[in-house]
Amino acid sequence: MSLTVLLSLAGSMVAMVTVLEKAERGIQEYRQGEATITLLEADGRPAAGVKIAVIQQSHDFLFGCIVRPRHYNDERYRQRLKELFNFVELLEFNWGQYEPDEDRPLLEERRRFIFDWCIPNGIEHFYGHMLVWSRQYGEYPKTALPLWLFRYDRATQYELLKRRIQREVRAYRDVNIVWDVVNEAVHCRRWGDWEKPDNFEEPLDVMVGYVADALRWAHEANPEARLLINDYGVIVRGKYRDRYLQLVQTLLKAGVPLHAVGIQAHEPFKGAYWYSPEEIWEACEVFGSQMGLPIYFTEFWYVSDPHVPIRGNYREGMWNPERQAEAIEEFYRVAFGHPSVAGIVYFGLADNDVVRPTIGLLDENFQPKPAWQRLHHLLKEEWWTRFSGTTSSQGLFHFRGFFGRYRVEAEHGGQRYTWSIHLEKGKPNHWKLLLQ
């Protein structure tokens, strides 16, 4: 290997360490906080020397995975889902699959899944994917737009689109949901221009009109709703990132209600491109820090197929399960360490039920692949707080933990006590707990 190549590799390694170290500092600074518990006797006196423990129960950061209607009653899928994740991307909200028959949206099955299973199992945060998408393909159940829509003229279709957006946003007002209002605008024709190809790339001034309308309609339906747009191929530098950034800037300048940026992290090369830490961090800076918006990585995956070459300038060789695991862990570390990132959705639970073979965290029998094991270690061990000790003479107990909900346990006078607390970013996080 030449000296030039060695120096180039050495420089890349130095830069990589710098970004990963920056992310690790970010995890310490942005994802954790100081907390104080004051333990008091029943008469209000400080309870000194009491054994106490805090055990994390959930994360405030959103670690998500996809769920389709066919998974609602799949026990294997549901058990694995709740084992690791606290955030659900509700798929098949695209109009053709959500309302295959006119005026008969598939509302009840989703609400039952949310309220009868997700929330009782500790999953209280959701991502609605998607309200508007101008692509079209196939027949039900695999269609993006309802076939009955094309019985109407274009003006009527647009009115029906408005009604559809506002109906769905109102129907889930009682759900903690982030809405993907417009999907893949920079890659698709303007909504309604059916004579153009699905992948027709519109000029910005043509594209922005329907995107802004959709966001405003959703905001009218529920001013408290959190709204984002979502697209792919925008992490690495190039025309798609430039187009997407310009779209975001134009919407914000016009005062359009846009509350977050969605980034699909599977392109280029459908999960075969291994992003460098620098590329991930730079995208977070561009769309998060510079725009002042939170980022949701909405469709992230890497392949584990040993027949697929690694793409990009960061790593070389062929993919395999161990490399998939390493790449996934690295992506999560960088994204979790950047203050602008609010959530990450992994887009494929098991290899028997994914958009591309081998992208799952589990194999076709729902058994853990190395990627699952790495992610489980991060989410449930390394980024999970368990702390114990005794209260001071003033009844004080200090700890530093990841933002989320905790169970507090104490033993005193032969009795056990438990409380629930929520360690929140930007809050005082000081609780007075009474032994009674």
Protein backbone atom coordinates (compact mmCIF):
# COMPACT_ATOMS: atom_id res chain seq x y z
CA MET A 1 0.00 0.00 0.00
CA SER A 2 1.40 3.40 -0.99
CA LEU A 3 2.36 6.11 1.51
CA THR A 4 -0.34 8.39 0.03
CA VAL A 5 -3.05 5.79 0.65
CA LEU A 6 -1.78 5.15 4.20
CA LEU A 7 -1.78 8.85 5.01
CA SER A 8 -5.29 9.18 3.58
CA LEU A 9 -6.52 6.28 5.69
CA ALA A 10 -4.84 7.70 8.78
CA GLY A 11 -6.48 11.06 8.19
CA SER A 12 -9.86 9.40 7.82
CA MET A 13 -9.40 7.49 11.07
CA VAL A 14 -8.48 10.69 12.94
CA ALA A 15 -11.58 12.43 11.59
CA MET A 16 -13.75 9.42 12.44
CA VAL A 17 -12.52 9.37 16.03
CA THR A 18 -13.15 13.09 16.29
CA VAL A 19 -16.78 12.73 15.25
CA LEU A 20 -17.39 9.70 17.43
CA GLU A 21 -15.83 11.45 20.39
CA LYS A 22 -17.99 14.49 19.71
CA ALA A 23 -21.04 12.23 19.62
CA GLU A 24 -20.03 10.58 22.89
CA ARG A 25 -19.72 13.99 24.52
CA GLY A 26 -23.13 14.86 23.07
CA ILE A 27 -24.67 11.78 24.66
CA GLN A 28 -23.31 12.87 28.02
CA GLU A 29 -24.38 16.49 27.57
CA TYR A 30 -27.72 16.29 25.76
CA ARG A 31 -29.21 12.91 26.67
CA GLN A 32 -28.59 12.89 30.44
CA GLY A 33 -29.33 15.13 33.38
CA GLU A 34 -28.69 15.59 37.08
CA ALA A 35 -31.42 14.59 39.52
CA THR A 36 -31.99 14.90 43.26
CA ILE A 37 -34.38 13.02 45.49
CA THR A 38 -35.17 14.23 49.00
CA LEU A 39 -36.49 11.37 51.09
CA LEU A 40 -38.63 12.38 54.08
CA GLU A 41 -40.03 10.55 57.06
CA ALA A 42 -43.79 10.53 57.50
CA ASP A 43 -43.46 13.52 59.89
CA GLY A 44 -41.42 15.51 57.35
CA ARG A 45 -37.96 14.95 58.86
CA PRO A 46 -35.11 13.99 56.46
CA ALA A 47 -34.83 10.20 56.11
CA ALA A 48 -31.08 9.63 56.53
CA GLY A 49 -29.17 6.47 55.67
CA VAL A 50 -32.03 4.86 53.75
CA LYS A 51 -31.21 2.36 51.01
CA ILE A 52 -32.55 3.67 47.71
CA ALA A 53 -32.40 2.66 44.05
CA VAL A 54 -33.49 4.26 40.77
CA ILE A 55 -34.23 1.97 37.82
CA GLN A 56 -34.93 3.39 34.38
CA GLN A 57 -38.21 2.26 32.82
CA SER A 58 -38.22 4.12 29.50
CA HIS A 59 -36.35 6.59 27.28
CA ASP A 60 -37.59 10.03 26.26
CA PHE A 61 -35.57 9.68 23.06
CA LEU A 62 -37.59 7.83 20.43
CA PHE A 63 -36.14 4.50 19.34
CA GLY A 64 -38.58 3.17 16.77
CA CYS A 65 -39.48 0.38 14.42
CA ILE A 66 -42.13 -0.13 11.75
CA VAL A 67 -45.47 -1.88 12.20
CA ARG A 68 -47.88 -2.78 9.42
CA PRO A 69 -51.51 -3.86 9.91
CA ARG A 70 -50.53 -7.49 9.31
CA HIS A 71 -48.37 -7.29 12.43
CA TYR A 72 -51.13 -6.10 14.79
CA ASN A 73 -51.96 -9.62 15.96
CA ASP A 74 -48.60 -11.26 15.23
CA GLU A 75 -47.46 -12.30 18.70
CA ARG A 76 -43.83 -12.91 17.74
CA TYR A 77 -43.60 -9.49 16.12
CA ARG A 78 -45.27 -7.72 19.04
CA GLN A 79 -43.09 -9.36 21.68
CA ARG A 80 -39.86 -8.47 19.90
CA LEU A 81 -41.13 -4.96 19.26
CA LYS A 82 -41.78 -4.14 22.91
CA GLU A 83 -38.53 -5.81 23.96
CA LEU A 84 -36.51 -3.00 22.40
CA PHE A 85 -38.56 -0.10 21.05
CA ASN A 86 -40.67 2.76 22.45
CA PHE A 87 -41.77 4.35 19.15
CA VAL A 88 -43.89 2.86 16.35
CA GLU A 89 -43.93 3.95 12.73
CA LEU A 90 -47.49 3.19 11.66
CA LEU A 91 -47.16 2.16 8.03
CA GLU A 92 -49.76 2.00 5.31
CA PHE A 93 -51.24 5.37 6.10
CA ASN A 94 -50.72 6.13 2.41
CA TRP A 95 -54.15 6.87 1.02
CA GLY A 96 -54.59 3.82 -1.20
CA GLN A 97 -53.97 1.39 1.63
CA TYR A 98 -55.74 3.39 4.32
CA GLU A 99 -58.92 4.03 2.34
CA PRO A 100 -59.16 1.39 -0.42
CA ASP A 101 -62.94 1.87 -0.54
CA GLU A 102 -64.22 5.43 -0.68
CA ASP A 103 -65.41 6.83 2.66
CA ARG A 104 -64.36 3.67 4.48
CA PRO A 105 -60.96 4.46 6.04
CA LEU A 106 -59.37 1.67 8.06
CA LEU A 107 -59.49 3.68 11.25
CA GLU A 108 -60.71 1.26 13.88
CA GLU A 109 -58.04 -1.40 13.42
CA ARG A 110 -55.30 1.16 13.95
CA ARG A 111 -56.95 2.72 16.98
CA ARG A 112 -57.45 -0.71 18.54
CA PHE A 113 -53.78 -1.53 18.00
CA ILE A 114 -52.71 1.80 19.53
CA PHE A 115 -55.01 1.81 22.55
CA ASP A 116 -55.47 -1.90 23.23
CA TRP A 117 -51.89 -3.08 22.75
CA CYS A 118 -49.27 -0.34 22.26
CA ILE A 119 -50.12 2.00 25.11
CA PRO A 120 -50.74 -0.79 27.68
CA ASN A 121 -47.32 -2.17 26.71
CA GLY A 122 -45.52 1.13 27.25
CA ILE A 123 -45.37 2.32 23.62
CA GLU A 124 -46.96 5.76 23.64
CA HIS A 125 -45.29 7.57 20.71
CA PHE A 126 -46.18 7.12 17.04
CA TYR A 127 -45.19 8.25 13.56
CA GLY A 128 -47.89 8.45 10.89
CA HIS A 129 -46.44 7.50 7.52
CA MET A 130 -47.76 9.12 5.30
CA LEU A 131 -50.57 11.57 4.42
CA VAL A 132 -49.46 12.72 0.94
CA TRP A 133 -47.40 10.85 -1.63
CA SER A 134 -47.72 11.43 -5.35
CA ARG A 135 -46.37 8.06 -6.51
CA GLN A 136 -48.75 5.38 -7.70
CA TYR A 137 -48.35 1.65 -8.18
CA GLY A 138 -50.38 -1.55 -8.33
CA GLU A 139 -53.69 -2.66 -6.92
CA TYR A 140 -54.84 -2.89 -3.32
CA PRO A 141 -53.34 -3.80 -0.88
CA LYS A 142 -50.15 -2.50 -2.50
CA THR A 143 -51.13 0.87 -3.87
CA ALA A 144 -50.13 4.39 -2.90
CA LEU A 145 -53.30 6.14 -4.09
CA PRO A 146 -56.87 4.80 -4.04
CA LEU A 147 -58.05 3.72 -7.46
CA TRP A 148 -61.47 5.29 -6.88
CA LEU A 149 -59.78 8.71 -6.70
CA PHE A 150 -59.25 8.70 -10.46
CA ARG A 151 -62.98 8.81 -11.15
CA TYR A 152 -62.80 12.51 -10.24
CA ASP A 153 -61.31 15.49 -12.07
CA ARG A 154 -58.10 17.02 -10.80
CA ALA A 155 -59.74 19.93 -8.96
CA THR A 156 -62.05 17.57 -7.10
CA GLN A 157 -59.13 15.26 -6.31
CA TYR A 158 -57.34 18.17 -4.65
CA GLU A 159 -60.38 18.97 -2.52
CA LEU A 160 -60.61 15.30 -1.56
CA LEU A 161 -56.92 15.36 -0.61
CA LYS A 162 -57.56 18.26 1.75
CA ARG A 163 -60.50 16.42 3.30
CA ARG A 164 -58.41 13.25 3.65
CA ILE A 165 -55.54 15.06 5.41
CA GLN A 166 -57.78 16.89 7.84
CA ARG A 167 -59.92 13.84 8.58
CA GLU A 168 -56.88 11.75 9.58
CA VAL A 169 -55.23 14.48 11.64
CA ARG A 170 -58.48 15.07 13.55
CA ALA A 171 -59.11 11.35 14.02
CA TYR A 172 -55.82 10.93 15.93
CA ARG A 173 -55.87 14.12 18.01
CA ASP A 174 -55.76 11.99 21.16
CA VAL A 175 -52.65 10.09 20.01
CA ASN A 176 -49.07 11.28 20.55
CA ILE A 177 -48.25 11.19 16.86
CA VAL A 178 -45.78 12.89 14.52
CA TRP A 179 -47.22 13.19 11.02
CA ASP A 180 -45.29 12.57 7.82
CA VAL A 181 -47.44 15.06 5.90
CA VAL A 182 -45.64 14.94 2.53
CA ASN A 183 -43.38 12.09 1.50
CA GLU A 184 -40.56 12.30 -1.06
CA ALA A 185 -41.53 15.62 -2.63
CA VAL A 186 -38.07 16.23 -4.10
CA HIS A 187 -38.12 12.89 -5.91
CA CYS A 188 -41.68 12.90 -7.24
CA ARG A 189 -43.97 14.81 -9.55
CA ARG A 190 -46.32 17.39 -8.09
CA TRP A 191 -49.41 15.78 -6.62
CA GLY A 192 -52.09 15.58 -9.32
CA ASP A 193 -49.77 15.77 -12.35
CA TRP A 194 -50.61 12.18 -13.26
CA GLU A 195 -49.51 12.58 -16.88
CA LYS A 196 -45.90 12.87 -15.67
CA PRO A 197 -43.78 9.88 -14.55
CA ASP A 198 -43.86 8.96 -10.86
CA ASN A 199 -40.23 10.01 -10.46
CA PHE A 200 -40.48 13.32 -12.31
CA GLU A 201 -38.38 15.91 -10.46
CA GLU A 202 -40.35 19.13 -10.30
CA PRO A 203 -38.79 22.61 -10.07
CA LEU A 204 -38.97 24.04 -6.56
CA ASP A 205 -41.61 26.66 -7.37
CA VAL A 206 -43.91 23.93 -8.72
CA MET A 207 -43.21 21.53 -5.87
CA VAL A 208 -43.61 23.88 -2.94
CA GLY A 209 -47.27 24.77 -3.56
CA TYR A 210 -48.90 21.44 -2.75
CA VAL A 211 -46.41 20.75 0.07
CA ALA A 212 -47.25 24.04 1.76
CA ASP A 213 -50.99 23.47 1.26
CA ALA A 214 -50.79 20.02 2.84
CA LEU A 215 -48.92 21.30 5.89
CA ARG A 216 -51.34 24.19 6.35
CA TRP A 217 -54.37 21.89 6.04
CA ALA A 218 -52.94 19.54 8.66
CA HIS A 219 -52.20 22.45 10.99
CA GLU A 220 -55.76 23.77 10.59
CA ALA A 221 -57.14 20.37 11.57
CA ASN A 222 -55.02 20.25 14.74
CA PRO A 223 -52.83 23.23 15.63
CA GLU A 224 -51.10 21.05 18.26
CA ALA A 225 -50.06 18.36 15.77
CA ARG A 226 -46.35 17.92 15.01
CA LEU A 227 -45.76 17.97 11.26
CA LEU A 228 -42.81 17.03 9.09
CA ILE A 229 -41.85 16.28 5.51
CA ASN A 230 -39.74 13.28 4.64
CA ASP A 231 -37.29 12.31 1.88
CA TYR A 232 -34.37 10.08 0.93
CA GLY A 233 -30.92 10.44 -0.58
CA VAL A 234 -30.27 13.58 1.47
CA ILE A 235 -27.59 12.53 3.96
CA VAL A 236 -24.72 12.60 1.47
CA ARG A 237 -23.87 15.76 -0.42
CA GLY A 238 -25.56 16.08 -3.80
CA LYS A 239 -28.48 17.52 -5.71
CA TYR A 240 -31.14 15.78 -3.62
CA ARG A 241 -29.81 17.19 -0.39
CA ASP A 242 -29.60 20.63 -2.00
CA ARG A 243 -33.19 20.37 -3.29
CA TYR A 244 -34.51 19.16 0.04
CA LEU A 245 -32.69 21.85 1.98
CA GLN A 246 -34.04 24.51 -0.39
CA LEU A 247 -37.56 23.17 0.07
CA VAL A 248 -37.25 23.28 3.87
CA GLN A 249 -35.82 26.81 3.78
CA THR A 250 -38.58 28.02 1.45
CA LEU A 251 -41.32 26.58 3.67
CA LEU A 252 -39.85 28.10 6.82
CA LYS A 253 -39.36 31.50 5.18
CA ALA A 254 -43.01 31.48 4.09
CA GLY A 255 -44.15 30.72 7.64
CA VAL A 256 -45.56 27.31 6.73
CA PRO A 257 -46.12 25.10 9.83
CA LEU A 258 -43.19 22.69 9.64
CA HIS A 259 -42.00 21.31 12.97
CA ALA A 260 -39.36 18.72 12.07
CA VAL A 261 -37.37 17.21 9.21
CA GLY A 262 -37.70 13.56 8.25
CA ILE A 263 -34.69 11.82 6.71
CA GLN A 264 -34.85 8.36 5.17
CA ALA A 265 -31.45 6.83 5.85
CA HIS A 266 -31.37 3.95 3.37
CA GLU A 267 -30.11 5.69 0.25
CA PRO A 268 -28.01 5.66 -1.79
CA PHE A 269 -27.84 1.96 -2.76
CA LYS A 270 -30.72 0.73 -0.60
CA GLY A 271 -28.83 0.11 2.60
CA ALA A 272 -25.52 -0.89 0.99
CA TYR A 273 -23.90 2.56 1.42
CA TRP A 274 -22.00 2.74 4.71
CA TYR A 275 -22.21 6.34 5.89
CA SER A 276 -19.13 7.78 7.51
CA PRO A 277 -19.64 9.44 10.90
CA GLU A 278 -18.77 12.74 9.24
CA GLU A 279 -21.58 12.38 6.70
CA ILE A 280 -24.17 11.61 9.36
CA TRP A 281 -23.03 14.47 11.59
CA GLU A 282 -22.93 16.94 8.72
CA ALA A 283 -26.51 16.08 7.70
CA CYS A 284 -27.61 16.65 11.30
CA GLU A 285 -25.89 20.02 11.28
CA VAL A 286 -27.41 21.06 7.95
CA PHE A 287 -31.01 20.02 8.61
CA GLY A 288 -31.03 20.29 12.39
CA SER A 289 -28.68 22.87 13.85
CA GLN A 290 -28.83 25.28 10.90
CA MET A 291 -32.61 24.98 10.34
CA GLY A 292 -33.46 24.95 14.04
CA LEU A 293 -35.61 21.84 13.62
CA PRO A 294 -35.55 18.39 15.22
CA ILE A 295 -34.63 15.49 12.94
CA TYR A 296 -36.30 12.10 12.70
CA PHE A 297 -34.41 9.36 10.88
CA THR A 298 -37.55 7.69 9.56
CA GLU A 299 -36.38 4.79 7.39
CA PHE A 300 -32.96 3.50 8.38
CA TRP A 301 -31.45 0.15 7.51
CA TYR A 302 -28.25 -1.59 6.47
CA VAL A 303 -28.02 -4.93 4.67
CA SER A 304 -26.29 -8.04 6.01
CA ASP A 305 -26.03 -9.91 2.69
CA PRO A 306 -22.46 -11.23 2.15
CA HIS A 307 -23.03 -11.05 -1.63
CA VAL A 308 -23.54 -7.27 -1.56
CA PRO A 309 -20.51 -4.94 -1.78
CA ILE A 310 -20.12 -2.06 0.67
CA ARG A 311 -20.66 1.25 -1.13
CA GLY A 312 -19.26 4.67 -0.35
CA ASN A 313 -15.78 5.97 0.44
CA TYR A 314 -15.72 5.05 4.11
CA ARG A 315 -15.38 1.25 4.21
CA GLU A 316 -14.58 -1.46 1.69
CA GLY A 317 -15.38 -5.13 1.23
CA MET A 318 -18.62 -7.08 1.39
CA TRP A 319 -21.47 -6.80 3.82
CA ASN A 320 -22.17 -9.55 6.36
CA PRO A 321 -24.10 -9.76 9.64
CA GLU A 322 -21.17 -8.52 11.75
CA ARG A 323 -20.56 -5.54 9.50
CA GLN A 324 -24.25 -4.74 9.51
CA ALA A 325 -24.11 -4.75 13.31
CA GLU A 326 -21.04 -2.51 13.40
CA ALA A 327 -22.54 -0.02 10.95
CA ILE A 328 -25.87 0.13 12.79
CA GLU A 329 -24.19 0.68 16.15
CA GLU A 330 -22.05 3.46 14.68
CA PHE A 331 -25.07 5.19 13.12
CA TYR A 332 -26.99 5.13 16.40
CA ARG A 333 -24.03 6.44 18.37
CA VAL A 334 -23.57 9.41 16.04
CA ALA A 335 -27.28 10.21 15.73
CA PHE A 336 -27.98 9.83 19.48
CA GLY A 337 -25.04 12.10 20.19
CA HIS A 338 -26.31 14.97 18.04
CA PRO A 339 -28.66 17.33 19.89
CA SER A 340 -30.98 17.85 16.91
CA VAL A 341 -32.01 14.21 16.53
CA ALA A 342 -35.34 13.35 18.17
CA GLY A 343 -35.82 9.79 16.96
CA ILE A 344 -34.52 6.91 14.86
CA VAL A 345 -36.77 4.35 13.17
CA TYR A 346 -35.24 1.07 12.06
CA PHE A 347 -37.17 -0.02 8.98
CA GLY A 348 -37.18 -3.79 9.27
CA LEU A 349 -37.59 -6.03 12.28
CA ALA A 350 -37.14 -9.54 10.86
CA ASP A 351 -35.68 -10.89 7.62
CA ASN A 352 -38.88 -12.73 6.72
CA ASP A 353 -40.85 -9.49 6.42
CA VAL A 354 -38.78 -6.61 5.04
CA VAL A 355 -38.60 -4.43 1.93
CA ARG A 356 -35.20 -5.89 1.02
CA PRO A 357 -33.80 -9.28 2.04
CA THR A 358 -31.36 -9.33 5.00
CA ILE A 359 -32.01 -5.83 6.36
CA GLY A 360 -33.74 -7.14 9.49
CA LEU A 361 -32.38 -7.01 13.02
CA LEU A 362 -33.73 -10.53 13.51
CA ASP A 363 -33.44 -13.52 11.19
CA GLU A 364 -36.41 -15.14 9.45
CA ASN A 365 -37.16 -17.10 12.65
CA PHE A 366 -37.19 -13.94 14.80
CA GLN A 367 -33.88 -14.86 16.42
CA PRO A 368 -31.36 -12.09 17.16
CA LYS A 369 -28.76 -11.23 14.55
CA PRO A 370 -25.57 -9.47 15.70
CA ALA A 371 -27.24 -6.13 14.89
CA TRP A 372 -30.06 -6.83 17.37
CA GLN A 373 -27.55 -7.79 20.04
CA ARG A 374 -25.53 -4.60 19.52
CA LEU A 375 -28.64 -2.43 19.58
CA HIS A 376 -30.02 -4.18 22.63
CA HIS A 377 -26.74 -3.55 24.45
CA LEU A 378 -26.89 0.16 23.60
CA LEU A 379 -30.55 0.80 24.39
CA LYS A 380 -30.97 -1.45 27.41
CA GLU A 381 -27.52 -1.50 28.99
CA GLU A 382 -25.08 1.24 27.97
CA TRP A 383 -27.79 3.92 27.59
CA TRP A 384 -29.87 2.71 30.54
CA THR A 385 -29.57 4.03 34.08
CA ARG A 386 -29.59 1.90 37.22
CA PHE A 387 -28.24 3.51 40.37
CA SER A 388 -28.37 2.65 44.06
CA GLY A 389 -27.00 3.94 47.33
CA THR A 390 -28.12 5.51 50.62
CA THR A 391 -29.54 8.90 51.44
CA SER A 392 -27.36 11.53 53.10
CA SER A 393 -27.88 12.98 56.57
CA GLN A 394 -30.22 15.49 54.93
CA GLY A 395 -32.16 12.70 53.21
CA LEU A 396 -30.67 13.56 49.82
CA PHE A 397 -29.85 11.17 46.99
CA HIS A 398 -28.22 12.44 43.80
CA PHE A 399 -27.85 10.65 40.49
CA ARG A 400 -27.24 11.38 36.81
CA GLY A 401 -29.33 9.50 34.31
CA PHE A 402 -30.72 9.32 30.80
CA PHE A 403 -33.88 11.32 30.28
CA GLY A 404 -36.91 9.09 30.77
CA ARG A 405 -39.19 7.52 33.35
CA TYR A 406 -37.85 5.78 36.46
CA ARG A 407 -39.01 3.59 39.29
CA VAL A 408 -37.64 4.60 42.70
CA GLU A 409 -37.36 1.94 45.39
CA ALA A 410 -36.50 2.39 49.06
CA GLU A 411 -36.25 0.17 52.16
CA HIS A 412 -36.93 1.63 55.60
CA GLY A 413 -38.12 0.21 58.86
CA GLY A 414 -38.71 -3.22 57.36
CA GLN A 415 -40.96 -1.81 54.63
CA ARG A 416 -40.47 -1.31 50.90
CA TYR A 417 -41.60 1.83 49.09
CA THR A 418 -41.89 2.59 45.37
CA TRP A 419 -42.51 5.76 43.39
CA SER A 420 -42.47 6.82 39.72
CA ILE A 421 -40.55 9.87 38.54
CA HIS A 422 -39.77 11.41 35.15
CA LEU A 423 -36.30 12.79 34.55
CA GLU A 424 -36.92 15.45 31.89
CA LYS A 425 -34.63 17.71 29.92
CA GLY A 426 -34.93 21.33 30.99
CA LYS A 427 -36.83 20.54 34.20
CA PRO A 428 -35.63 20.98 37.83
CA ASN A 429 -35.71 17.20 38.40
CA HIS A 430 -35.87 17.46 42.19
CA TRP A 431 -38.46 15.33 43.96
CA LYS A 432 -39.54 15.14 47.58
CA LEU A 433 -40.70 11.62 48.38
CA LEU A 434 -42.49 10.75 51.62
CA LEU A 435 -42.10 7.44 53.44
CA GLN A 436 -45.72 6.75 54.26
